[in-house]
């Protein structure tokens, strides 16, 4: 992670492990604010930004050859004045994002104008981990989780949620709004549904060593939990907004045959990356890692997590509840 990289919540992987960041989702209010006319792009800013992005692509992108090709392409674009139509910095960032995603087919790649964390309060443990729990008809437990915050906040909240629902006959975990988070928190939540008598390999992140074509592996394993949900049915709800760590949770449990995934295919972002400043108040997210599931040897990048049971967004929860109640009667 370079000195200018920041850590926060992803819009989209993971959000994060050390050196990984998740960029905040832009709210409607923020979009409206961005519609205010910005000053035009300074004449030398475009070259400075493109040069900075090219360095990150060549030095850090998890797919070195693709990073080099993408860097060459945007440098060529700049020489041919392809970005001259941008009237302000926000439009320039949008054009670069669109171009880089077309070159890499990587939804985590993103160019941003303005530090997305500049005016945001630092998260605190008192803000909680965002678990929302209910008991549905038929003594079916329900958890809604919008993100995977870091373990120091997440784990105790997961313990409470699972203790509260430990006596249910089945569990529905709603990831439809989950936009990312910390992979260690994903592994911890998955641990509640795995055999506590053995250590289960859940996921790997393959990281590129900056400036080289060498890689290192960071592995995530199950860990002890205060209660176990082993042996009871689990249904994970997914949809088009499920992204990054939210996708990983569904993919991992699906690969381990420990959950039934219900809903619609997810967005398909599996490459975590840091937020790096590249000059003139521009930032770029360039993935420096990729997920690799130990069961499948692959990940959900570019294709999304495909549900075991397809359902529209309007009927996903009802479909899962019907499956859970049917299982309870069998």
C-alpha atoms as a PDB file:
ATOM      1  CA  UNK A   1       0.000   0.000   0.000  1.00  0.00           C
ATOM      2  CA  UNK A   2       1.477   3.333  -1.001  1.00  0.00           C
ATOM      3  CA  UNK A   3       1.566   6.217   1.506  1.00  0.00           C
ATOM      4  CA  UNK A   4      -1.302   7.921  -0.302  1.00  0.00           C
ATOM      5  CA  UNK A   5      -3.632   4.919  -0.214  1.00  0.00           C
ATOM      6  CA  UNK A   6      -6.656   5.191   2.066  1.00  0.00           C
ATOM      7  CA  UNK A   7      -8.886   2.548   3.640  1.00  0.00           C
ATOM      8  CA  UNK A   8     -12.656   2.777   3.844  1.00  0.00           C
ATOM      9  CA  UNK A   9     -15.851   1.212   2.459  1.00  0.00           C
ATOM     10  CA  UNK A  10     -16.100  -0.178  -1.066  1.00  0.00           C
ATOM     11  CA  UNK A  11     -18.654   0.764  -3.650  1.00  0.00           C
ATOM     12  CA  UNK A  12     -18.419  -2.036  -5.128  1.00  0.00           C
ATOM     13  CA  UNK A  13     -14.212  -6.178  -3.545  1.00  0.00           C
ATOM     14  CA  UNK A  14     -13.887  -6.265  -1.079  1.00  0.00           C
ATOM     15  CA  UNK A  15     -13.635  -3.789   0.605  1.00  0.00           C
ATOM     16  CA  UNK A  16     -10.536  -4.594   2.284  1.00  0.00           C
ATOM     17  CA  UNK A  17      -7.686  -6.175   3.930  1.00  0.00           C
ATOM     18  CA  UNK A  18      -4.457  -4.381   4.729  1.00  0.00           C
ATOM     19  CA  UNK A  19      -3.700  -2.355   1.629  1.00  0.00           C
ATOM     20  CA  UNK A  20      -7.174  -2.775   0.227  1.00  0.00           C
ATOM     21  CA  UNK A  21      -9.884  -0.225   0.142  1.00  0.00           C
ATOM     22  CA  UNK A  22     -13.502   0.064  -0.585  1.00  0.00           C
ATOM     23  CA  UNK A  23     -14.733   3.281  -2.127  1.00  0.00           C
ATOM     24  CA  UNK A  24     -17.940   4.682  -0.667  1.00  0.00           C
ATOM     25  CA  UNK A  25     -21.104   4.340  -2.673  1.00  0.00           C
ATOM     26  CA  UNK A  26     -22.228   7.701  -4.007  1.00  0.00           C
ATOM     27  CA  UNK A  27     -25.583   8.743  -2.594  1.00  0.00           C
ATOM     28  CA  UNK A  28     -28.300  10.572  -4.503  1.00  0.00           C
ATOM     29  CA  UNK A  29     -27.540  13.712  -2.516  1.00  0.00           C
ATOM     30  CA  UNK A  30     -23.863  13.495  -3.449  1.00  0.00           C
ATOM     31  CA  UNK A  31     -24.743  12.931  -7.096  1.00  0.00           C
ATOM     32  CA  UNK A  32     -26.899  16.074  -7.029  1.00  0.00           C
ATOM     33  CA  UNK A  33     -24.035  17.981  -5.464  1.00  0.00           C
ATOM     34  CA  UNK A  34     -21.693  16.769  -8.186  1.00  0.00           C
ATOM     35  CA  UNK A  35     -24.024  18.139 -10.837  1.00  0.00           C
ATOM     36  CA  UNK A  36     -22.922  21.630  -9.801  1.00  0.00           C
ATOM     37  CA  UNK A  37     -20.595  22.980 -12.483  1.00  0.00           C
ATOM     38  CA  UNK A  38     -16.962  22.351 -11.564  1.00  0.00           C
ATOM     39  CA  UNK A  39     -14.011  24.455 -12.733  1.00  0.00           C
ATOM     40  CA  UNK A  40     -12.482  23.276 -16.019  1.00  0.00           C
ATOM     41  CA  UNK A  41      -9.603  20.833 -15.933  1.00  0.00           C
ATOM     42  CA  UNK A  42      -6.213  22.536 -15.692  1.00  0.00           C
ATOM     43  CA  UNK A  43      -4.196  22.165 -18.944  1.00  0.00           C
ATOM     44  CA  UNK A  44      -1.444  20.053 -17.397  1.00  0.00           C
ATOM     45  CA  UNK A  45      -3.695  18.051 -15.051  1.00  0.00           C
ATOM     46  CA  UNK A  46      -4.816  15.474 -17.617  1.00  0.00           C
ATOM     47  CA  UNK A  47      -1.262  14.397 -18.389  1.00  0.00           C
ATOM     48  CA  UNK A  48      -0.334  14.298 -14.704  1.00  0.00           C
ATOM     49  CA  UNK A  49      -3.345  12.110 -13.902  1.00  0.00           C
ATOM     50  CA  UNK A  50      -2.865   9.739 -16.834  1.00  0.00           C
ATOM     51  CA  UNK A  51       0.837   9.390 -16.015  1.00  0.00           C
ATOM     52  CA  UNK A  52      -0.019   8.576 -12.387  1.00  0.00           C
ATOM     53  CA  UNK A  53      -2.638   5.998 -13.336  1.00  0.00           C
ATOM     54  CA  UNK A  54      -0.242   4.414 -15.837  1.00  0.00           C
ATOM     55  CA  UNK A  55       2.331   3.951 -13.069  1.00  0.00           C
ATOM     56  CA  UNK A  56      -0.225   2.242 -10.814  1.00  0.00           C
ATOM     57  CA  UNK A  57      -1.322  -0.049 -13.643  1.00  0.00           C
ATOM     58  CA  UNK A  58       2.232  -1.058 -14.535  1.00  0.00           C
ATOM     59  CA  UNK A  59       3.536  -1.371 -10.992  1.00  0.00           C
ATOM     60  CA  UNK A  60       0.577  -2.775  -9.127  1.00  0.00           C
ATOM     61  CA  UNK A  61      -2.247  -4.219 -11.238  1.00  0.00           C
ATOM     62  CA  UNK A  62      -2.757  -7.867 -10.355  1.00  0.00           C
ATOM     63  CA  UNK A  63      -2.665  -8.827 -14.048  1.00  0.00           C
ATOM     64  CA  UNK A  64       0.701  -7.334 -15.134  1.00  0.00           C
ATOM     65  CA  UNK A  65       0.386  -7.783 -18.908  1.00  0.00           C
ATOM     66  CA  UNK A  66      -3.131  -6.387 -18.931  1.00  0.00           C
ATOM     67  CA  UNK A  67      -2.039  -3.484 -16.750  1.00  0.00           C
ATOM     68  CA  UNK A  68       0.750  -2.644 -19.164  1.00  0.00           C
ATOM     69  CA  UNK A  69      -1.627  -2.751 -22.141  1.00  0.00           C
ATOM     70  CA  UNK A  70      -4.156  -0.553 -20.356  1.00  0.00           C
ATOM     71  CA  UNK A  71      -1.443   1.959 -19.436  1.00  0.00           C
ATOM     72  CA  UNK A  72      -0.250   2.097 -23.043  1.00  0.00           C
ATOM     73  CA  UNK A  73      -3.822   2.608 -24.231  1.00  0.00           C
ATOM     74  CA  UNK A  74      -4.662   5.585 -22.006  1.00  0.00           C
ATOM     75  CA  UNK A  75      -1.310   7.191 -22.786  1.00  0.00           C
ATOM     76  CA  UNK A  76      -2.093   6.805 -26.491  1.00  0.00           C
ATOM     77  CA  UNK A  77      -5.571   8.236 -25.869  1.00  0.00           C
ATOM     78  CA  UNK A  78      -4.046  11.298 -24.251  1.00  0.00           C
ATOM     79  CA  UNK A  79      -1.683  11.901 -27.164  1.00  0.00           C
ATOM     80  CA  UNK A  80      -4.607  11.723 -29.578  1.00  0.00           C
ATOM     81  CA  UNK A  81      -6.670  14.171 -27.461  1.00  0.00           C
ATOM     82  CA  UNK A  82      -9.333  11.531 -26.742  1.00  0.00           C
ATOM     83  CA  UNK A  83     -10.161  13.188 -23.419  1.00  0.00           C
ATOM     84  CA  UNK A  84     -10.320  16.739 -24.766  1.00  0.00           C
ATOM     85  CA  UNK A  85     -14.130  16.672 -24.628  1.00  0.00           C
ATOM     86  CA  UNK A  86     -14.083  16.535 -20.809  1.00  0.00           C
ATOM     87  CA  UNK A  87     -15.361  19.889 -19.573  1.00  0.00           C
ATOM     88  CA  UNK A  88     -14.436  19.422 -15.911  1.00  0.00           C
ATOM     89  CA  UNK A  89     -12.535  17.033 -13.575  1.00  0.00           C
ATOM     90  CA  UNK A  90     -15.574  14.890 -12.714  1.00  0.00           C
ATOM     91  CA  UNK A  91     -16.299  14.227 -16.381  1.00  0.00           C
ATOM     92  CA  UNK A  92     -12.625  13.427 -17.010  1.00  0.00           C
ATOM     93  CA  UNK A  93     -12.690  10.908 -14.133  1.00  0.00           C
ATOM     94  CA  UNK A  94     -15.814   9.338 -15.608  1.00  0.00           C
ATOM     95  CA  UNK A  95     -14.266   9.036 -19.068  1.00  0.00           C
ATOM     96  CA  UNK A  96     -11.134   7.427 -17.643  1.00  0.00           C
ATOM     97  CA  UNK A  97     -13.169   5.000 -15.547  1.00  0.00           C
ATOM     98  CA  UNK A  98     -15.239   3.947 -18.539  1.00  0.00           C
ATOM     99  CA  UNK A  99     -12.133   3.523 -20.683  1.00  0.00           C
ATOM    100  CA  UNK A 100     -10.205   1.520 -18.092  1.00  0.00           C
ATOM    101  CA  UNK A 101     -13.129  -0.783 -17.411  1.00  0.00           C
ATOM    102  CA  UNK A 102     -13.523  -1.412 -21.141  1.00  0.00           C
ATOM    103  CA  UNK A 103      -9.818  -2.272 -21.338  1.00  0.00           C
ATOM    104  CA  UNK A 104      -9.693  -4.521 -18.264  1.00  0.00           C
ATOM    105  CA  UNK A 105     -13.278  -5.791 -17.847  1.00  0.00           C
ATOM    106  CA  UNK A 106     -12.655  -5.110 -14.156  1.00  0.00           C
ATOM    107  CA  UNK A 107     -15.444  -3.340 -12.286  1.00  0.00           C
ATOM    108  CA  UNK A 108     -13.167  -2.483  -9.372  1.00  0.00           C
ATOM    109  CA  UNK A 109     -11.069  -0.134 -11.490  1.00  0.00           C
ATOM    110  CA  UNK A 110     -12.239   3.400 -10.862  1.00  0.00           C
ATOM    111  CA  UNK A 111     -11.009   6.987 -11.177  1.00  0.00           C
ATOM    112  CA  UNK A 112     -12.389   9.534  -8.719  1.00  0.00           C
ATOM    113  CA  UNK A 113     -12.045  13.301  -8.498  1.00  0.00           C
ATOM    114  CA  UNK A 114     -11.917  14.499  -4.915  1.00  0.00           C
ATOM    115  CA  UNK A 115     -10.970  12.473  -1.861  1.00  0.00           C
ATOM    116  CA  UNK A 116     -14.062  10.336  -1.094  1.00  0.00           C
ATOM    117  CA  UNK A 117     -13.087  10.195   2.584  1.00  0.00           C
ATOM    118  CA  UNK A 118     -12.239  13.865   3.120  1.00  0.00           C
ATOM    119  CA  UNK A 119     -15.470  14.865   4.835  1.00  0.00           C
ATOM    120  CA  UNK A 120     -16.512  11.533   6.275  1.00  0.00           C
ATOM    121  CA  UNK A 121     -16.302  10.892  10.013  1.00  0.00           C
ATOM    122  CA  UNK A 122     -14.012   8.060  11.010  1.00  0.00           C
ATOM    123  CA  UNK A 123     -16.054   4.891  11.693  1.00  0.00           C
ATOM    124  CA  UNK A 124     -16.276   3.890  15.340  1.00  0.00           C
ATOM    125  CA  UNK A 125     -17.200   0.643  17.059  1.00  0.00           C
ATOM    126  CA  UNK A 126     -20.294   2.333  18.497  1.00  0.00           C
ATOM    127  CA  UNK A 127     -21.730   2.616  14.990  1.00  0.00           C
ATOM    128  CA  UNK A 128     -22.067  -1.157  14.945  1.00  0.00           C
ATOM    129  CA  UNK A 129     -21.643  -3.730  12.226  1.00  0.00           C
ATOM    130  CA  UNK A 130     -25.059  -3.309  10.643  1.00  0.00           C
ATOM    131  CA  UNK A 131     -26.629  -6.663  11.550  1.00  0.00           C
ATOM    132  CA  UNK A 132     -30.429  -6.600  11.330  1.00  0.00           C
ATOM    133  CA  UNK A 133     -32.094  -9.749  12.649  1.00  0.00           C
ATOM    134  CA  UNK A 134     -35.651 -11.055  12.685  1.00  0.00           C
ATOM    135  CA  UNK A 135     -37.605 -14.253  13.260  1.00  0.00           C
ATOM    136  CA  UNK A 136     -39.796 -15.097  10.342  1.00  0.00           C
ATOM    137  CA  UNK A 137     -42.767 -17.414  10.075  1.00  0.00           C
ATOM    138  CA  UNK A 138     -41.935 -21.044  10.833  1.00  0.00           C
ATOM    139  CA  UNK A 139     -39.117 -20.117  13.251  1.00  0.00           C
ATOM    140  CA  UNK A 140     -36.843 -19.157  10.356  1.00  0.00           C
ATOM    141  CA  UNK A 141     -34.078 -16.735  11.266  1.00  0.00           C
ATOM    142  CA  UNK A 142     -33.275 -13.730   9.070  1.00  0.00           C
ATOM    143  CA  UNK A 143     -30.141 -11.567   8.926  1.00  0.00           C
ATOM    144  CA  UNK A 144     -29.744  -8.508   6.709  1.00  0.00           C
ATOM    145  CA  UNK A 145     -26.154  -7.317   6.329  1.00  0.00           C
ATOM    146  CA  UNK A 146     -25.150  -4.394   4.085  1.00  0.00           C
ATOM    147  CA  UNK A 147     -21.366  -4.624   4.529  1.00  0.00           C
ATOM    148  CA  UNK A 148     -18.544  -6.511   6.199  1.00  0.00           C
ATOM    149  CA  UNK A 149     -16.893  -4.019   8.531  1.00  0.00           C
ATOM    150  CA  UNK A 150     -13.439  -4.858   9.971  1.00  0.00           C
ATOM    151  CA  UNK A 151     -13.244  -7.791  12.419  1.00  0.00           C
ATOM    152  CA  UNK A 152     -12.669  -5.702  15.525  1.00  0.00           C
ATOM    153  CA  UNK A 153     -16.237  -4.394  15.171  1.00  0.00           C
ATOM    154  CA  UNK A 154     -17.759  -7.201  13.135  1.00  0.00           C
ATOM    155  CA  UNK A 155     -17.007 -10.318  15.172  1.00  0.00           C
ATOM    156  CA  UNK A 156     -18.786  -9.388  18.410  1.00  0.00           C
ATOM    157  CA  UNK A 157     -21.844  -8.243  16.439  1.00  0.00           C
ATOM    158  CA  UNK A 158     -21.856 -11.528  14.509  1.00  0.00           C
ATOM    159  CA  UNK A 159     -21.635 -13.427  17.816  1.00  0.00           C
ATOM    160  CA  UNK A 160     -24.715 -11.639  19.151  1.00  0.00           C
ATOM    161  CA  UNK A 161     -26.737 -12.077  15.958  1.00  0.00           C
ATOM    162  CA  UNK A 162     -25.985 -15.788  15.770  1.00  0.00           C
ATOM    163  CA  UNK A 163     -26.663 -16.369  19.476  1.00  0.00           C
ATOM    164  CA  UNK A 164     -30.044 -14.676  19.062  1.00  0.00           C
ATOM    165  CA  UNK A 165     -30.965 -16.964  16.152  1.00  0.00           C
ATOM    166  CA  UNK A 166     -29.179 -20.146  17.182  1.00  0.00           C
ATOM    167  CA  UNK A 167     -32.414 -22.001  17.999  1.00  0.00           C
ATOM    168  CA  UNK A 168     -34.112 -21.320  14.645  1.00  0.00           C
ATOM    169  CA  UNK A 169     -34.822 -24.179  12.260  1.00  0.00           C
ATOM    170  CA  UNK A 170     -33.254 -22.471   9.239  1.00  0.00           C
ATOM    171  CA  UNK A 171     -31.499 -19.191   8.472  1.00  0.00           C
ATOM    172  CA  UNK A 172     -31.819 -16.659   5.666  1.00  0.00           C
ATOM    173  CA  UNK A 173     -28.877 -14.277   5.207  1.00  0.00           C
ATOM    174  CA  UNK A 174     -29.719 -11.311   3.012  1.00  0.00           C
ATOM    175  CA  UNK A 175     -26.741 -10.072   0.979  1.00  0.00           C
ATOM    176  CA  UNK A 176     -28.786  -8.251  -1.643  1.00  0.00           C
ATOM    177  CA  UNK A 177     -27.580  -4.826  -0.465  1.00  0.00           C
ATOM    178  CA  UNK A 178     -24.094  -5.909   0.548  1.00  0.00           C
ATOM    179  CA  UNK A 179     -21.514  -3.831  -1.304  1.00  0.00           C
ATOM    180  CA  UNK A 180     -18.290  -5.146   0.169  1.00  0.00           C
ATOM    181  CA  UNK A 181     -16.085  -5.271   3.208  1.00  0.00           C
ATOM    182  CA  UNK A 182     -13.271  -7.057   4.956  1.00  0.00           C
ATOM    183  CA  UNK A 183     -12.448 -10.635   3.861  1.00  0.00           C
ATOM    184  CA  UNK A 184     -11.527 -11.671   7.407  1.00  0.00           C
ATOM    185  CA  UNK A 185     -15.057 -10.752   8.482  1.00  0.00           C
ATOM    186  CA  UNK A 186     -16.439 -12.850   5.630  1.00  0.00           C
ATOM    187  CA  UNK A 187     -14.419 -15.816   6.884  1.00  0.00           C
ATOM    188  CA  UNK A 188     -15.622 -15.305  10.454  1.00  0.00           C
ATOM    189  CA  UNK A 189     -19.314 -15.251   9.535  1.00  0.00           C
ATOM    190  CA  UNK A 190     -18.850 -18.320   7.326  1.00  0.00           C
ATOM    191  CA  UNK A 191     -17.290 -20.135  10.304  1.00  0.00           C
ATOM    192  CA  UNK A 192     -20.661 -20.362  12.096  1.00  0.00           C
ATOM    193  CA  UNK A 193     -21.891 -22.738   9.377  1.00  0.00           C
ATOM    194  CA  UNK A 194     -18.849 -24.994   9.118  1.00  0.00           C
ATOM    195  CA  UNK A 195     -17.672 -27.977  11.166  1.00  0.00           C
ATOM    196  CA  UNK A 196     -16.191 -26.507  14.364  1.00  0.00           C
ATOM    197  CA  UNK A 197     -14.045 -29.590  14.873  1.00  0.00           C
ATOM    198  CA  UNK A 198     -11.843 -28.795  11.898  1.00  0.00           C
ATOM    199  CA  UNK A 199     -10.177 -25.778  10.345  1.00  0.00           C
ATOM    200  CA  UNK A 200     -11.737 -25.103   6.942  1.00  0.00           C
ATOM    201  CA  UNK A 201      -9.936 -23.267   4.159  1.00  0.00           C
ATOM    202  CA  UNK A 202     -12.407 -20.619   2.978  1.00  0.00           C
ATOM    203  CA  UNK A 203     -10.677 -18.284   0.507  1.00  0.00           C
ATOM    204  CA  UNK A 204      -7.335 -16.996  -0.752  1.00  0.00           C
ATOM    205  CA  UNK A 205      -6.273 -13.567  -1.934  1.00  0.00           C
ATOM    206  CA  UNK A 206      -3.429 -13.592  -4.446  1.00  0.00           C
ATOM    207  CA  UNK A 207      -1.508 -10.314  -4.163  1.00  0.00           C
ATOM    208  CA  UNK A 208       0.992  -8.904  -6.629  1.00  0.00           C
ATOM    209  CA  UNK A 209       4.253  -7.700  -5.109  1.00  0.00           C
ATOM    210  CA  UNK A 210       4.496  -4.139  -6.331  1.00  0.00           C
ATOM    211  CA  UNK A 211       6.852  -3.522  -9.220  1.00  0.00           C
ATOM    212  CA  UNK A 212       7.399  -7.219  -9.860  1.00  0.00           C
ATOM    213  CA  UNK A 213       5.645 -10.129 -11.492  1.00  0.00           C
ATOM    214  CA  UNK A 214       5.845 -12.107  -8.258  1.00  0.00           C
ATOM    215  CA  UNK A 215       2.835 -12.860  -6.087  1.00  0.00           C
ATOM    216  CA  UNK A 216       2.062 -13.804  -2.497  1.00  0.00           C
ATOM    217  CA  UNK A 217      -0.944 -15.650  -1.080  1.00  0.00           C
ATOM    218  CA  UNK A 218      -3.025 -14.615   1.904  1.00  0.00           C
ATOM    219  CA  UNK A 219      -5.275 -17.425   3.129  1.00  0.00           C
ATOM    220  CA  UNK A 220      -8.492 -17.197   5.137  1.00  0.00           C
ATOM    221  CA  UNK A 221      -9.639 -20.083   7.324  1.00  0.00           C
ATOM    222  CA  UNK A 222     -12.554 -20.789   9.614  1.00  0.00           C
ATOM    223  CA  UNK A 223     -12.145 -19.910  13.280  1.00  0.00           C
ATOM    224  CA  UNK A 224     -13.882 -20.862  16.563  1.00  0.00           C
ATOM    225  CA  UNK A 225     -17.284 -19.276  17.173  1.00  0.00           C
ATOM    226  CA  UNK A 226     -19.393 -19.187  20.368  1.00  0.00           C
ATOM    227  CA  UNK A 227     -22.284 -21.063  18.741  1.00  0.00           C
ATOM    228  CA  UNK A 228     -22.531 -23.358  15.724  1.00  0.00           C
ATOM    229  CA  UNK A 229     -25.211 -23.512  13.044  1.00  0.00           C
ATOM    230  CA  UNK A 230     -23.854 -26.700  11.538  1.00  0.00           C
ATOM    231  CA  UNK A 231     -26.415 -29.146  10.170  1.00  0.00           C
ATOM    232  CA  UNK A 232     -29.246 -26.666   9.624  1.00  0.00           C
ATOM    233  CA  UNK A 233     -30.233 -25.159   6.260  1.00  0.00           C
ATOM    234  CA  UNK A 234     -28.841 -21.759   5.274  1.00  0.00           C
ATOM    235  CA  UNK A 235     -30.120 -19.621   2.398  1.00  0.00           C
ATOM    236  CA  UNK A 236     -28.102 -16.669   1.089  1.00  0.00           C
ATOM    237  CA  UNK A 237     -30.029 -14.002  -0.811  1.00  0.00           C
ATOM    238  CA  UNK A 238     -28.205 -12.216  -3.637  1.00  0.00           C
ATOM    239  CA  UNK A 239     -28.971  -9.783  -6.425  1.00  0.00           C
ATOM    240  CA  UNK A 240     -27.520  -7.177  -8.808  1.00  0.00           C
ATOM    241  CA  UNK A 241     -26.323  -4.961  -5.940  1.00  0.00           C
ATOM    242  CA  UNK A 242     -24.438  -7.765  -4.190  1.00  0.00           C
ATOM    243  CA  UNK A 243     -20.762  -7.009  -4.730  1.00  0.00           C
ATOM    244  CA  UNK A 244     -17.255  -7.809  -3.640  1.00  0.00           C
ATOM    245  CA  UNK A 245     -17.149  -9.281  -0.129  1.00  0.00           C
ATOM    246  CA  UNK A 246     -20.902  -9.824  -0.287  1.00  0.00           C
ATOM    247  CA  UNK A 247     -20.322 -11.972  -3.348  1.00  0.00           C
ATOM    248  CA  UNK A 248     -17.458 -13.770  -1.683  1.00  0.00           C
ATOM    249  CA  UNK A 249     -19.629 -14.862   1.239  1.00  0.00           C
ATOM    250  CA  UNK A 250     -22.250 -16.346  -1.092  1.00  0.00           C
ATOM    251  CA  UNK A 251     -19.635 -17.915  -3.389  1.00  0.00           C
ATOM    252  CA  UNK A 252     -17.648 -19.496  -0.540  1.00  0.00           C
ATOM    253  CA  UNK A 253     -20.649 -21.103   1.165  1.00  0.00           C
ATOM    254  CA  UNK A 254     -21.976 -22.254  -2.198  1.00  0.00           C
ATOM    255  CA  UNK A 255     -18.621 -23.845  -3.078  1.00  0.00           C
ATOM    256  CA  UNK A 256     -18.496 -25.578   0.315  1.00  0.00           C
ATOM    257  CA  UNK A 257     -22.070 -26.812  -0.260  1.00  0.00           C
ATOM    258  CA  UNK A 258     -23.090 -25.194   2.981  1.00  0.00           C
ATOM    259  CA  UNK A 259     -25.745 -22.799   1.688  1.00  0.00           C
ATOM    260  CA  UNK A 260     -28.336 -22.487  -1.036  1.00  0.00           C
ATOM    261  CA  UNK A 261     -27.945 -19.218  -2.943  1.00  0.00           C
ATOM    262  CA  UNK A 262     -31.262 -17.654  -3.965  1.00  0.00           C
ATOM    263  CA  UNK A 263     -31.973 -14.647  -6.170  1.00  0.00           C
ATOM    264  CA  UNK A 264     -30.321 -13.020  -9.178  1.00  0.00           C
ATOM    265  CA  UNK A 265     -26.750 -13.101 -10.501  1.00  0.00           C
ATOM    266  CA  UNK A 266     -24.442 -10.693  -8.668  1.00  0.00           C
ATOM    267  CA  UNK A 267     -22.251  -7.899 -10.083  1.00  0.00           C
ATOM    268  CA  UNK A 268     -18.976  -9.801 -10.419  1.00  0.00           C
ATOM    269  CA  UNK A 269     -16.188  -7.943  -8.602  1.00  0.00           C
ATOM    270  CA  UNK A 270     -13.438 -10.154  -7.174  1.00  0.00           C
ATOM    271  CA  UNK A 271     -10.259  -8.046  -7.355  1.00  0.00           C
ATOM    272  CA  UNK A 272      -9.454  -5.896  -4.293  1.00  0.00           C
ATOM    273  CA  UNK A 273      -7.414  -2.762  -4.749  1.00  0.00           C
ATOM    274  CA  UNK A 274      -6.111   0.307  -2.972  1.00  0.00           C
ATOM    275  CA  UNK A 275      -7.181   3.916  -3.411  1.00  0.00           C
ATOM    276  CA  UNK A 276      -4.157   5.884  -4.604  1.00  0.00           C
ATOM    277  CA  UNK A 277      -3.722   9.599  -5.194  1.00  0.00           C
ATOM    278  CA  UNK A 278      -2.372  10.365  -8.666  1.00  0.00           C
ATOM    279  CA  UNK A 279      -2.255  14.188  -8.531  1.00  0.00           C
ATOM    280  CA  UNK A 280      -4.551  17.187  -9.002  1.00  0.00           C
ATOM    281  CA  UNK A 281      -6.995  15.740  -6.424  1.00  0.00           C
ATOM    282  CA  UNK A 282      -7.592  12.611  -8.517  1.00  0.00           C
ATOM    283  CA  UNK A 283      -7.576   9.100  -7.081  1.00  0.00           C
ATOM    284  CA  UNK A 284      -7.553   5.694  -8.752  1.00  0.00           C
ATOM    285  CA  UNK A 285      -8.518   2.236  -7.551  1.00  0.00           C
ATOM    286  CA  UNK A 286      -6.240  -0.327  -9.200  1.00  0.00           C
ATOM    287  CA  UNK A 287      -6.742  -3.919  -8.018  1.00  0.00           C
ATOM    288  CA  UNK A 288      -3.545  -5.415  -6.651  1.00  0.00           C
ATOM    289  CA  UNK A 289      -5.097  -8.748  -5.711  1.00  0.00           C
ATOM    290  CA  UNK A 290      -7.586 -11.359  -6.861  1.00  0.00           C
ATOM    291  CA  UNK A 291      -9.673 -13.915  -5.021  1.00  0.00           C
ATOM    292  CA  UNK A 292      -9.093 -17.635  -5.552  1.00  0.00           C
ATOM    293  CA  UNK A 293     -11.463 -20.119  -3.978  1.00  0.00           C
ATOM    294  CA  UNK A 294      -9.672 -23.275  -2.758  1.00  0.00           C
ATOM    295  CA  UNK A 295     -12.575 -25.508  -3.829  1.00  0.00           C
ATOM    296  CA  UNK A 296     -13.200 -24.182  -7.346  1.00  0.00           C
ATOM    297  CA  UNK A 297      -9.776 -22.695  -8.094  1.00  0.00           C
ATOM    298  CA  UNK A 298     -11.635 -19.707  -9.539  1.00  0.00           C
ATOM    299  CA  UNK A 299     -13.689 -16.718  -8.435  1.00  0.00           C
ATOM    300  CA  UNK A 300     -16.780 -14.757  -9.411  1.00  0.00           C
ATOM    301  CA  UNK A 301     -14.967 -11.902 -11.166  1.00  0.00           C
ATOM    302  CA  UNK A 302     -16.710 -10.710 -14.324  1.00  0.00           C
ATOM    303  CA  UNK A 303     -19.425 -13.373 -14.138  1.00  0.00           C
ATOM    304  CA  UNK A 304     -20.966 -12.885 -10.713  1.00  0.00           C
ATOM    305  CA  UNK A 305     -22.288 -15.512  -8.335  1.00  0.00           C
ATOM    306  CA  UNK A 306     -24.981 -17.557 -10.035  1.00  0.00           C
ATOM    307  CA  UNK A 307     -27.826 -18.554  -7.706  1.00  0.00           C
ATOM    308  CA  UNK A 308     -28.812 -22.154  -7.093  1.00  0.00           C
ATOM    309  CA  UNK A 309     -32.445 -21.029  -7.134  1.00  0.00           C
ATOM    310  CA  UNK A 310     -33.335 -18.144  -9.430  1.00  0.00           C
ATOM    311  CA  UNK A 311     -35.890 -15.581  -8.271  1.00  0.00           C
ATOM    312  CA  UNK A 312     -36.707 -11.979  -9.112  1.00  0.00           C
ATOM    313  CA  UNK A 313     -35.728  -9.249  -6.675  1.00  0.00           C
ATOM    314  CA  UNK A 314     -39.372  -8.979  -5.616  1.00  0.00           C
ATOM    315  CA  UNK A 315     -39.711 -12.691  -4.832  1.00  0.00           C
ATOM    316  CA  UNK A 316     -36.247 -13.650  -3.568  1.00  0.00           C
ATOM    317  CA  UNK A 317     -37.001 -13.575   0.151  1.00  0.00           C
ATOM    318  CA  UNK A 318     -40.354 -15.298  -0.302  1.00  0.00           C
ATOM    319  CA  UNK A 319     -38.710 -18.039  -2.371  1.00  0.00           C
ATOM    320  CA  UNK A 320     -36.069 -18.655   0.293  1.00  0.00           C
ATOM    321  CA  UNK A 321     -38.655 -18.668   3.080  1.00  0.00           C
ATOM    322  CA  UNK A 322     -40.755 -21.208   1.187  1.00  0.00           C
ATOM    323  CA  UNK A 323     -37.685 -23.444   0.797  1.00  0.00           C
ATOM    324  CA  UNK A 324     -36.845 -23.102   4.489  1.00  0.00           C
ATOM    325  CA  UNK A 325     -40.383 -23.923   5.638  1.00  0.00           C
ATOM    326  CA  UNK A 326     -40.568 -26.871   3.259  1.00  0.00           C
ATOM    327  CA  UNK A 327     -37.299 -28.222   4.671  1.00  0.00           C
ATOM    328  CA  UNK A 328     -38.647 -27.801   8.197  1.00  0.00           C
ATOM    329  CA  UNK A 329     -41.604 -30.047   7.392  1.00  0.00           C
ATOM    330  CA  UNK A 330     -39.528 -32.769   5.798  1.00  0.00           C
END
